Protein backbone atom coordinates (compact mmCIF):
# COMPACT_ATOMS: atom_id res chain seq x y z
CA MET A 1 -31.35 7.98 29.50
CA ALA A 2 -28.13 6.97 30.93
CA GLN A 3 -27.56 3.09 31.46
CA THR A 4 -25.03 1.29 33.50
CA VAL A 5 -23.41 -1.65 31.81
CA HIS A 6 -22.24 -4.51 34.24
CA ALA A 7 -19.60 -7.14 33.66
CA ASN A 8 -22.74 -9.48 32.61
CA GLU A 9 -23.61 -7.74 29.34
CA THR A 10 -27.22 -9.03 29.95
CA ASP A 11 -27.45 -7.13 33.02
CA ARG A 12 -28.20 -3.45 32.33
CA THR A 13 -30.02 -0.97 34.54
CA ASP A 14 -31.32 2.71 33.80
CA ASP A 15 -31.33 5.95 35.93
CA ASN A 16 -34.02 4.26 38.00
CA GLY A 17 -32.24 0.96 38.72
CA SER A 18 -34.78 -0.92 36.52
CA VAL A 19 -33.15 -3.74 34.37
CA VAL A 20 -33.09 -2.80 30.80
CA THR A 21 -33.21 -5.66 28.07
CA PRO A 22 -30.51 -5.07 25.77
CA SER A 23 -31.26 -4.57 22.13
CA PRO A 24 -29.14 -6.63 19.80
CA ILE A 25 -29.72 -4.16 16.90
CA ALA A 26 -28.66 -1.27 19.28
CA ASP A 27 -25.67 -2.97 20.57
CA PHE A 28 -24.61 -4.09 16.94
CA SER A 29 -25.10 -0.40 15.87
CA ALA A 30 -22.89 1.00 18.79
CA TRP A 31 -20.30 -1.59 18.09
CA ALA A 32 -20.24 -0.87 14.42
CA THR A 33 -19.79 3.11 15.56
CA LEU A 34 -17.09 2.20 17.68
CA ALA A 35 -15.24 0.00 15.09
CA GLU A 36 -15.54 2.68 12.58
CA GLN A 37 -14.18 5.38 14.63
CA LEU A 38 -11.22 2.95 15.72
CA VAL A 39 -10.54 2.42 12.18
CA GLN A 40 -10.62 5.89 11.06
CA ALA A 41 -8.19 6.90 13.87
CA GLN A 42 -5.57 4.16 12.89
CA VAL A 43 -5.88 5.23 9.24
CA ARG A 44 -5.15 8.79 10.30
CA LYS A 45 -2.27 7.50 12.29
CA GLU A 46 -0.94 5.61 9.42
CA ILE A 47 -1.26 8.55 7.09
CA ALA A 48 0.66 10.93 9.56
CA GLY A 49 3.27 8.37 9.98
CA GLN A 50 3.78 8.07 5.99
CA LEU A 51 3.76 11.63 5.81
CA ALA A 52 6.29 12.07 8.58
CA ALA A 53 8.49 9.56 7.00
CA GLY A 54 8.72 11.83 3.84
CA HIS A 55 6.31 9.43 1.91
CA PRO A 56 3.14 10.93 -0.17
CA VAL A 57 -0.06 9.06 0.25
CA TYR A 58 -2.29 8.13 -2.69
CA TYR A 59 -6.02 8.03 -2.45
CA GLY A 60 -9.19 7.71 -4.60
CA GLY A 61 -11.73 10.65 -4.87
CA THR A 62 -15.06 10.34 -3.88
CA GLY A 63 -18.44 11.77 -5.39
CA ALA A 64 -17.86 13.51 -8.85
CA ASP A 65 -14.13 12.84 -8.34
CA SER A 66 -14.82 8.88 -7.80
CA GLN A 67 -12.64 8.23 -10.87
CA LYS A 68 -9.81 10.37 -9.87
CA VAL A 69 -6.53 9.61 -7.85
CA PHE A 70 -4.94 12.20 -5.67
CA GLU A 71 -1.28 12.48 -4.10
CA LEU A 72 -0.92 14.17 -0.70
CA ARG A 73 2.62 15.06 -0.30
CA PRO A 74 4.57 15.46 3.17
CA ASP A 75 4.47 19.51 2.56
CA GLY A 76 0.54 19.43 2.19
CA LYS A 77 0.23 19.88 -1.19
CA VAL A 78 -2.29 17.85 -3.24
CA PHE A 79 -2.14 16.85 -6.79
CA GLU A 80 -4.49 15.11 -8.97
CA VAL A 81 -2.52 12.39 -10.65
CA ARG A 82 -2.72 9.39 -13.19
CA VAL A 83 -0.76 6.45 -13.03
CA LEU A 84 0.58 5.07 -16.09
CA GLU A 85 0.64 1.44 -17.40
CA ASP A 86 4.28 1.27 -16.50
CA GLY A 87 3.67 2.35 -13.19
CA THR A 88 4.95 5.96 -13.75
CA ILE A 89 3.00 8.73 -11.97
CA GLU A 90 1.87 11.76 -13.96
CA GLU A 91 0.81 15.01 -12.36
CA ILE A 92 -2.51 16.25 -13.81
CA ARG A 93 -2.97 19.39 -11.76
CA GLN A 94 -2.32 20.66 -8.42
CA VAL A 95 -5.34 20.82 -6.23
CA VAL A 96 -4.13 22.17 -2.83
CA GLU A 97 -1.29 24.41 -2.34
């Protein structure tokens, strides 16, 4: 069912012109989905900017790799790395060529 949202957020109508009472849960869910999409888009933009500037991007793994750290290099190669106590980065293995 399509809804039209008017300037007054409490004044919504459906396809038949009937007023629809907004659901706070549905509104929050829609807002949360939009916020997540905007944040993900900004993260992708920031990563692209770092790579374009010639800087690697470091990130943590997920799932079975949750304890691992990966380095994405500007050339697209990905390495599993370890950060030593002195801040030195040690390559463990190449993951993506």
